[in-house]
N, C-alpha and C. Protein backbone atom coordinates (compact mmCIF):
# COMPACT_ATOMS: atom_id res chain seq x y z
N MET A 1 87.82 77.32 56.27
CA MET A 1 87.16 77.45 57.55
C MET A 1 87.58 78.76 58.19
N ARG A 2 86.64 79.38 58.83
CA ARG A 2 86.92 80.64 59.50
C ARG A 2 86.28 80.61 60.88
N LEU A 3 87.07 80.95 61.89
CA LEU A 3 86.54 81.00 63.25
C LEU A 3 85.80 82.32 63.44
N THR A 4 84.86 82.34 64.35
CA THR A 4 84.11 83.55 64.63
C THR A 4 84.99 84.54 65.40
N VAL A 5 84.57 85.79 65.39
CA VAL A 5 85.25 86.82 66.18
C VAL A 5 85.18 86.45 67.65
N TYR A 6 84.07 85.87 68.06
CA TYR A 6 83.90 85.45 69.45
C TYR A 6 84.98 84.44 69.86
N ALA A 7 85.26 83.50 69.00
CA ALA A 7 86.31 82.51 69.28
C ALA A 7 87.68 83.19 69.34
N ASP A 8 87.92 84.09 68.43
CA ASP A 8 89.17 84.84 68.42
C ASP A 8 89.35 85.62 69.72
N TYR A 9 88.31 86.33 70.13
CA TYR A 9 88.37 87.11 71.37
C TYR A 9 88.56 86.20 72.58
N SER A 10 87.94 85.03 72.55
CA SER A 10 88.09 84.08 73.66
C SER A 10 89.55 83.66 73.79
N LEU A 11 90.16 83.30 72.68
CA LEU A 11 91.56 82.88 72.73
C LEU A 11 92.47 84.05 73.11
N ARG A 12 92.18 85.22 72.58
CA ARG A 12 92.99 86.40 72.94
C ARG A 12 92.91 86.70 74.43
N MET A 13 91.69 86.61 75.00
CA MET A 13 91.54 86.89 76.42
C MET A 13 92.34 85.88 77.24
N LEU A 14 92.24 84.61 76.89
CA LEU A 14 92.98 83.59 77.62
C LEU A 14 94.49 83.79 77.48
N MET A 15 94.93 84.17 76.30
CA MET A 15 96.37 84.42 76.11
C MET A 15 96.82 85.61 76.94
N TYR A 16 96.01 86.63 76.98
CA TYR A 16 96.36 87.81 77.79
C TYR A 16 96.51 87.41 79.25
N LEU A 17 95.54 86.67 79.76
CA LEU A 17 95.58 86.27 81.16
C LEU A 17 96.77 85.36 81.45
N ALA A 18 97.11 84.51 80.50
CA ALA A 18 98.25 83.62 80.68
C ALA A 18 99.58 84.37 80.61
N ALA A 19 99.63 85.45 79.82
CA ALA A 19 100.86 86.21 79.67
C ALA A 19 101.05 87.25 80.76
N LYS A 20 99.97 87.61 81.44
CA LYS A 20 100.04 88.64 82.48
C LYS A 20 100.99 88.21 83.58
N ARG A 21 101.90 89.10 83.93
CA ARG A 21 102.95 88.78 84.90
C ARG A 21 102.42 88.63 86.33
N SER A 22 101.47 89.47 86.70
CA SER A 22 100.97 89.40 88.08
C SER A 22 99.57 89.98 88.16
N GLY A 23 98.84 89.54 89.17
CA GLY A 23 97.53 90.10 89.45
C GLY A 23 96.46 89.73 88.44
N ALA A 24 95.30 90.26 88.69
CA ALA A 24 94.15 90.03 87.82
C ALA A 24 94.08 91.12 86.76
N ALA A 25 93.31 90.88 85.73
CA ALA A 25 93.13 91.84 84.64
C ALA A 25 91.66 92.18 84.52
N THR A 26 91.37 93.38 84.08
CA THR A 26 89.99 93.77 83.84
C THR A 26 89.69 93.63 82.35
N THR A 27 88.40 93.55 82.03
CA THR A 27 88.04 93.49 80.61
C THR A 27 88.44 94.79 79.92
N ALA A 28 88.37 95.90 80.63
CA ALA A 28 88.77 97.18 80.03
C ALA A 28 90.26 97.16 79.67
N GLU A 29 91.07 96.61 80.54
CA GLU A 29 92.51 96.51 80.30
C GLU A 29 92.79 95.63 79.07
N ILE A 30 92.11 94.50 79.00
CA ILE A 30 92.31 93.58 77.87
C ILE A 30 91.81 94.21 76.58
N ALA A 31 90.65 94.86 76.63
CA ALA A 31 90.09 95.52 75.45
C ALA A 31 91.05 96.59 74.93
N HIS A 32 91.62 97.36 75.84
CA HIS A 32 92.57 98.41 75.45
C HIS A 32 93.81 97.81 74.80
N ALA A 33 94.33 96.73 75.37
CA ALA A 33 95.55 96.10 74.84
C ALA A 33 95.35 95.62 73.41
N TYR A 34 94.19 95.09 73.10
CA TYR A 34 93.91 94.55 71.77
C TYR A 34 93.19 95.54 70.84
N GLY A 35 92.70 96.64 71.41
CA GLY A 35 91.94 97.58 70.59
C GLY A 35 90.60 97.02 70.15
N ILE A 36 89.93 96.31 71.07
CA ILE A 36 88.64 95.72 70.75
C ILE A 36 87.59 96.16 71.78
N SER A 37 86.35 95.85 71.50
CA SER A 37 85.23 96.29 72.31
C SER A 37 85.19 95.65 73.70
N LYS A 38 85.07 96.49 74.72
CA LYS A 38 84.93 96.00 76.10
C LYS A 38 83.61 95.25 76.26
N ALA A 39 82.56 95.73 75.60
CA ALA A 39 81.25 95.07 75.71
C ALA A 39 81.33 93.63 75.21
N HIS A 40 82.02 93.42 74.08
CA HIS A 40 82.18 92.06 73.57
C HIS A 40 82.98 91.21 74.55
N LEU A 41 84.04 91.79 75.10
CA LEU A 41 84.88 91.03 76.03
C LEU A 41 84.14 90.69 77.32
N ASN A 42 83.22 91.52 77.75
CA ASN A 42 82.42 91.18 78.94
C ASN A 42 81.63 89.90 78.70
N LYS A 43 81.06 89.76 77.50
CA LYS A 43 80.32 88.55 77.15
C LYS A 43 81.25 87.34 77.10
N VAL A 44 82.41 87.55 76.50
CA VAL A 44 83.41 86.48 76.40
C VAL A 44 83.84 86.04 77.79
N ALA A 45 84.13 87.01 78.66
CA ALA A 45 84.58 86.69 80.02
C ALA A 45 83.51 85.89 80.76
N HIS A 46 82.28 86.29 80.59
CA HIS A 46 81.18 85.57 81.26
C HIS A 46 81.14 84.11 80.82
N GLN A 47 81.18 83.88 79.51
CA GLN A 47 81.11 82.51 78.99
C GLN A 47 82.35 81.69 79.36
N LEU A 48 83.52 82.32 79.34
CA LEU A 48 84.74 81.60 79.73
C LEU A 48 84.69 81.27 81.22
N GLY A 49 84.03 82.12 81.99
CA GLY A 49 83.84 81.82 83.41
C GLY A 49 82.91 80.63 83.61
N LEU A 50 81.80 80.60 82.88
CA LEU A 50 80.87 79.48 82.96
C LEU A 50 81.53 78.17 82.55
N ALA A 51 82.47 78.27 81.60
CA ALA A 51 83.17 77.09 81.10
C ALA A 51 84.30 76.64 82.03
N GLY A 52 84.60 77.46 83.03
CA GLY A 52 85.64 77.09 83.99
C GLY A 52 87.05 77.46 83.58
N TYR A 53 87.19 78.32 82.58
CA TYR A 53 88.52 78.75 82.14
C TYR A 53 88.99 80.01 82.86
N VAL A 54 88.03 80.86 83.24
CA VAL A 54 88.34 82.14 83.85
C VAL A 54 87.61 82.26 85.18
N GLY A 55 88.31 82.80 86.16
CA GLY A 55 87.71 83.07 87.45
C GLY A 55 87.75 84.55 87.73
N THR A 56 86.88 85.01 88.59
CA THR A 56 86.88 86.43 88.93
C THR A 56 87.32 86.62 90.37
N VAL A 57 87.98 87.75 90.57
CA VAL A 57 88.43 88.13 91.90
C VAL A 57 87.77 89.46 92.22
N ARG A 58 87.07 89.54 93.33
CA ARG A 58 86.38 90.77 93.72
C ARG A 58 87.27 91.63 94.59
N GLY A 59 86.92 92.91 94.65
CA GLY A 59 87.62 93.83 95.54
C GLY A 59 88.81 94.49 94.89
N LYS A 60 89.59 95.18 95.72
CA LYS A 60 90.77 95.89 95.24
C LYS A 60 91.73 94.89 94.61
N GLY A 61 92.21 95.23 93.44
CA GLY A 61 93.10 94.33 92.72
C GLY A 61 92.35 93.19 92.05
N GLY A 62 91.03 93.29 92.02
CA GLY A 62 90.21 92.23 91.44
C GLY A 62 90.18 92.28 89.92
N GLY A 63 89.52 91.32 89.37
CA GLY A 63 89.39 91.21 87.92
C GLY A 63 89.34 89.76 87.51
N LEU A 64 89.92 89.48 86.36
CA LEU A 64 89.90 88.14 85.80
C LEU A 64 91.26 87.47 85.93
N ARG A 65 91.21 86.17 86.15
CA ARG A 65 92.42 85.34 86.19
C ARG A 65 92.07 84.00 85.56
N LEU A 66 93.09 83.29 85.15
CA LEU A 66 92.84 81.93 84.69
C LEU A 66 92.35 81.11 85.88
N ALA A 67 91.36 80.28 85.64
CA ALA A 67 90.80 79.46 86.71
C ALA A 67 91.60 78.18 86.93
N ARG A 68 92.47 77.87 85.98
CA ARG A 68 93.34 76.71 86.11
C ARG A 68 94.63 76.97 85.35
N PRO A 69 95.64 76.17 85.56
CA PRO A 69 96.92 76.42 84.89
C PRO A 69 96.78 76.41 83.36
N ALA A 70 97.54 77.28 82.72
CA ALA A 70 97.49 77.40 81.25
C ALA A 70 97.80 76.07 80.58
N ALA A 71 98.65 75.27 81.17
CA ALA A 71 99.02 73.97 80.59
C ALA A 71 97.84 72.99 80.56
N GLU A 72 96.82 73.25 81.37
CA GLU A 72 95.65 72.37 81.42
C GLU A 72 94.52 72.82 80.50
N ILE A 73 94.68 73.94 79.85
CA ILE A 73 93.63 74.47 78.97
C ILE A 73 94.01 74.14 77.53
N ARG A 74 93.28 73.22 76.92
CA ARG A 74 93.56 72.78 75.55
C ARG A 74 92.85 73.70 74.57
N VAL A 75 93.57 74.11 73.53
CA VAL A 75 93.01 75.03 72.53
C VAL A 75 91.78 74.42 71.86
N GLY A 76 91.85 73.15 71.51
CA GLY A 76 90.71 72.49 70.87
C GLY A 76 89.48 72.49 71.76
N ASP A 77 89.67 72.26 73.05
CA ASP A 77 88.53 72.26 73.98
C ASP A 77 87.89 73.65 74.05
N VAL A 78 88.72 74.68 74.07
CA VAL A 78 88.19 76.05 74.12
C VAL A 78 87.35 76.31 72.88
N LEU A 79 87.88 75.97 71.71
CA LEU A 79 87.13 76.23 70.48
C LEU A 79 85.84 75.44 70.41
N ARG A 80 85.86 74.21 70.86
CA ARG A 80 84.62 73.44 70.88
C ARG A 80 83.57 74.10 71.76
N ARG A 81 84.03 74.74 72.81
CA ARG A 81 83.11 75.38 73.75
C ARG A 81 82.56 76.71 73.22
N VAL A 82 83.40 77.48 72.54
CA VAL A 82 82.98 78.83 72.15
C VAL A 82 82.50 78.95 70.71
N GLU A 83 82.82 77.98 69.86
CA GLU A 83 82.33 78.03 68.49
C GLU A 83 80.94 77.40 68.44
N PRO A 84 79.94 78.17 68.08
CA PRO A 84 78.58 77.64 68.10
C PRO A 84 78.30 76.61 67.02
N ASP A 85 79.05 76.68 65.92
CA ASP A 85 78.75 75.83 64.78
C ASP A 85 80.04 75.51 64.04
N MET A 86 80.50 74.30 64.17
CA MET A 86 81.71 73.88 63.48
C MET A 86 81.38 73.20 62.15
N ALA A 87 80.13 73.29 61.74
CA ALA A 87 79.73 72.66 60.48
C ALA A 87 80.36 73.41 59.31
N LEU A 88 81.13 72.70 58.51
CA LEU A 88 81.80 73.33 57.38
C LEU A 88 80.86 73.56 56.20
N VAL A 89 79.89 72.70 56.06
CA VAL A 89 78.91 72.82 54.98
C VAL A 89 77.52 72.56 55.54
N PRO A 90 76.49 73.02 54.84
CA PRO A 90 75.13 72.91 55.37
C PRO A 90 74.65 71.48 55.68
N CYS A 91 75.22 70.46 55.07
CA CYS A 91 74.74 69.10 55.34
C CYS A 91 75.31 68.53 56.63
N PHE A 92 76.23 69.25 57.29
CA PHE A 92 76.74 68.83 58.60
C PHE A 92 75.75 69.23 59.68
N ALA A 93 75.75 68.49 60.78
CA ALA A 93 74.95 68.88 61.94
C ALA A 93 75.54 70.16 62.50
N PRO A 94 74.82 71.07 63.09
CA PRO A 94 73.42 70.97 63.47
C PRO A 94 72.46 71.42 62.39
N VAL A 95 72.94 71.90 61.25
CA VAL A 95 72.06 72.43 60.22
C VAL A 95 71.33 71.32 59.48
N ARG A 96 72.06 70.39 58.93
CA ARG A 96 71.52 69.24 58.20
C ARG A 96 70.51 69.63 57.12
N VAL A 97 70.92 70.52 56.24
CA VAL A 97 70.08 70.89 55.11
C VAL A 97 70.06 69.72 54.13
N ALA A 98 68.90 69.42 53.62
CA ALA A 98 68.77 68.32 52.65
C ALA A 98 69.56 68.65 51.40
N CYS A 99 70.25 67.66 50.89
CA CYS A 99 71.03 67.84 49.67
C CYS A 99 70.71 66.67 48.74
N PRO A 100 70.42 66.98 47.48
CA PRO A 100 70.01 65.91 46.57
C PRO A 100 71.12 64.91 46.26
N ILE A 101 72.38 65.27 46.46
CA ILE A 101 73.46 64.33 46.15
C ILE A 101 74.05 63.65 47.38
N MET A 102 73.47 63.90 48.55
CA MET A 102 74.04 63.37 49.79
C MET A 102 74.33 61.87 49.75
N PRO A 103 73.45 61.04 49.23
CA PRO A 103 73.74 59.59 49.26
C PRO A 103 75.01 59.19 48.49
N ALA A 104 75.41 59.97 47.50
CA ALA A 104 76.58 59.62 46.69
C ALA A 104 77.72 60.62 46.82
N CYS A 105 77.59 61.59 47.71
CA CYS A 105 78.56 62.68 47.80
C CYS A 105 79.83 62.25 48.54
N GLY A 106 80.97 62.53 47.94
CA GLY A 106 82.25 62.26 48.57
C GLY A 106 82.81 63.46 49.30
N LEU A 107 82.24 64.63 49.09
CA LEU A 107 82.76 65.85 49.70
C LEU A 107 82.56 65.87 51.21
N ARG A 108 81.41 65.44 51.64
CA ARG A 108 81.10 65.48 53.07
C ARG A 108 82.13 64.70 53.89
N GLY A 109 82.47 63.52 53.46
CA GLY A 109 83.44 62.71 54.18
C GLY A 109 84.82 63.35 54.21
N VAL A 110 85.22 63.95 53.10
CA VAL A 110 86.52 64.61 53.02
C VAL A 110 86.56 65.81 53.97
N LEU A 111 85.50 66.61 53.96
CA LEU A 111 85.46 67.78 54.85
C LEU A 111 85.38 67.37 56.31
N ASP A 112 84.67 66.30 56.60
CA ASP A 112 84.60 65.81 57.97
C ASP A 112 85.98 65.35 58.44
N GLU A 113 86.72 64.66 57.57
CA GLU A 113 88.08 64.24 57.91
C GLU A 113 88.98 65.46 58.13
N ALA A 114 88.83 66.48 57.29
CA ALA A 114 89.63 67.69 57.43
C ALA A 114 89.33 68.41 58.75
N LEU A 115 88.06 68.48 59.12
CA LEU A 115 87.68 69.11 60.38
C LEU A 115 88.27 68.35 61.57
N HIS A 116 88.21 67.02 61.51
CA HIS A 116 88.79 66.22 62.59
C HIS A 116 90.30 66.42 62.68
N ALA A 117 90.96 66.53 61.54
CA ALA A 117 92.41 66.77 61.53
C ALA A 117 92.72 68.15 62.11
N PHE A 118 91.93 69.15 61.75
CA PHE A 118 92.09 70.51 62.27
C PHE A 118 91.98 70.50 63.79
N MET A 119 90.94 69.87 64.30
CA MET A 119 90.74 69.83 65.74
C MET A 119 91.80 68.98 66.44
N ALA A 120 92.28 67.93 65.79
CA ALA A 120 93.33 67.09 66.37
C ALA A 120 94.61 67.90 66.56
N VAL A 121 94.91 68.77 65.62
CA VAL A 121 96.09 69.64 65.77
C VAL A 121 95.88 70.58 66.95
N LEU A 122 94.73 71.21 67.04
CA LEU A 122 94.45 72.14 68.14
C LEU A 122 94.44 71.43 69.49
N ASP A 123 94.03 70.19 69.51
CA ASP A 123 94.02 69.41 70.75
C ASP A 123 95.43 69.13 71.26
N ARG A 124 96.41 69.19 70.39
CA ARG A 124 97.80 68.94 70.81
C ARG A 124 98.40 70.12 71.56
N TYR A 125 97.76 71.27 71.49
CA TYR A 125 98.33 72.49 72.08
C TYR A 125 97.52 72.98 73.26
N SER A 126 98.25 73.48 74.23
CA SER A 126 97.62 74.08 75.41
C SER A 126 97.80 75.60 75.33
N LEU A 127 97.11 76.28 76.21
CA LEU A 127 97.27 77.73 76.31
C LEU A 127 98.72 78.08 76.64
N ALA A 128 99.36 77.26 77.44
CA ALA A 128 100.77 77.49 77.77
C ALA A 128 101.65 77.48 76.52
N ASP A 129 101.32 76.61 75.57
CA ASP A 129 102.08 76.58 74.31
C ASP A 129 101.94 77.88 73.53
N LEU A 130 100.77 78.50 73.61
CA LEU A 130 100.51 79.72 72.86
C LEU A 130 101.24 80.93 73.43
N VAL A 131 101.63 80.84 74.69
CA VAL A 131 102.29 81.98 75.35
C VAL A 131 103.71 81.64 75.78
N GLN A 132 104.36 80.77 75.02
CA GLN A 132 105.74 80.41 75.35
C GLN A 132 106.66 81.63 75.36
N ARG A 133 106.37 82.58 74.51
CA ARG A 133 107.16 83.82 74.47
C ARG A 133 106.49 84.86 75.37
N ARG A 134 106.24 84.45 76.61
CA ARG A 134 105.45 85.22 77.57
C ARG A 134 105.98 86.63 77.77
N GLU A 135 107.26 86.78 77.97
CA GLU A 135 107.83 88.11 78.23
C GLU A 135 107.60 89.03 77.04
N GLU A 136 107.80 88.52 75.85
CA GLU A 136 107.59 89.33 74.64
C GLU A 136 106.11 89.69 74.49
N LEU A 137 105.24 88.71 74.71
CA LEU A 137 103.80 88.99 74.65
C LEU A 137 103.38 90.01 75.68
N ALA A 138 103.88 89.85 76.90
CA ALA A 138 103.54 90.80 77.96
C ALA A 138 103.96 92.21 77.58
N GLY A 139 105.14 92.33 76.98
CA GLY A 139 105.60 93.63 76.53
C GLY A 139 104.73 94.22 75.44
N LEU A 140 104.35 93.39 74.48
CA LEU A 140 103.50 93.85 73.37
C LEU A 140 102.10 94.24 73.86
N LEU A 141 101.60 93.52 74.86
CA LEU A 141 100.27 93.79 75.38
C LEU A 141 100.26 94.83 76.48
N GLY A 142 101.42 95.18 76.99
CA GLY A 142 101.50 96.17 78.05
C GLY A 142 100.99 95.65 79.37
N THR A 143 101.14 94.34 79.61
CA THR A 143 100.68 93.78 80.88
C THR A 143 101.75 93.96 81.94
N GLU A 144 101.34 93.84 83.16
CA GLU A 144 102.28 93.96 84.28
C GLU A 144 102.70 92.59 84.76
């Protein structure tokens, strides 16, 4: 299984905001810290805002902040929101491609169990867990 770049950027943005020592952050600041596209991060920020993970602050010192405490943001919930398609194989929803062996196939059930186990692990962790080494992360990212 491979997560999309969009999901990766979403988690990175949230981690940056959680590790930031003070104030709001701009998408340009986050893009620079990670060496990624500001245009992509603008889209990510918008969607994370719609999902209630990120809030915006206008005016001087404005930018992005976490909309709720990092401990309340579950990694599994974020991925469910930002990953458009968690189907591991074409016979999973939403694709549901017809397969001639579907009635007798054991693979689908095994992969479905694996996906549930994967998400169950992610559900055990919050954003706060991902940034436990906050000071070190802040230093690596150059946040204030």
